[in-house]
Amino acid sequence: MIQEEVLDFFKNSDSYLHNVSVDNVIFGYHEKELKVLLQQPFSLDKWTVTGGYIMKTESIEEAAVRIAFARTGLRDLFFEQFRSFGTPQRSVDSGFSAAHLTALSGMEVPANSWIFEYFVSVGFYTLTEFSKVEIRKGDLEAACQWWPINDLPPMMFDHKDIIAAALKALRLHIAHYPIGYELLSEKFTLPEIHSLYETILGKSLDDRNFTKRLLATGIIIKLNETKKIGAHRSPFLYKFDKEKYAEGLKSGVELAF
């Protein structure tokens, strides 16, 4: 079945742009770790960020949405285009060759195929609640799974650099926009959102100062509910005010720590 799917892809290759692709860094937050969803091409021991080619009938943004939905099963995710990547050497990797694709597809793939040409990738990062994702690997992949951002496997091409650039962009944006909403459960405690920000920013944040600044924005609402986490600990639960959150995405909020 896999061979048939790969063969179909090459037969319909004219449906895709030949020199531009989307690389979509999908972030999730789980057990106080920031994680990234990676895919592993068949017969290779290296991994890539979730990405794919752009169909001639869709915009770049539509391609990013399609790719994220194909891997996560989720729609209406938070997307941010953060930069593009392109050098003559970026598409070169010892494991990615005409011989590899020929063996995988069962059809002759020439060494001068467009697959090996100079490619420009448009980088997006996507935020999603970890527990809601139903991972779906693509037709050309042996595996698709979450990896801790600080413990990545061997990466193909320049994808390690792409992840680093996406994390840099995320850190910049989360300090000025309330995008933590996308990574947490609907209801959360103050220590949980405090831990999220520390994890993403990679540094310790003063608890009282963080809470004071966060509450001053008005983007979170205290609920008349508690979360029992121990014999004598039942902190209050909070949730994001969706209206204030939407306003914060447009105009920004004072969250720089």
Foldseek 3Di string as FASTA:
>chain_A
DLLVVLLVCVVVVVQFDLAEKAFEWEWAADPLFIKTKWFAFPPDQAIFGQIDTHGPVDDRVVRNQVSVCQFFVDHPWDKDFQAKDWDQCQLDDPVDAQVVSCVSNVHRDDRPDSSSGTHMYTYMYTFAAPVRGDGDHDSRTPDIDMDGLVDHGHHGGCRPVSSVSNLVVVLVVVQWAVVVQRHDDQKDFLVVSLSVNCNSNVHHDDSVVQVVQVVVLVQKDWDPAWCDDDPPDTGTIIGGDVVSNVVCVVPTGNRHD
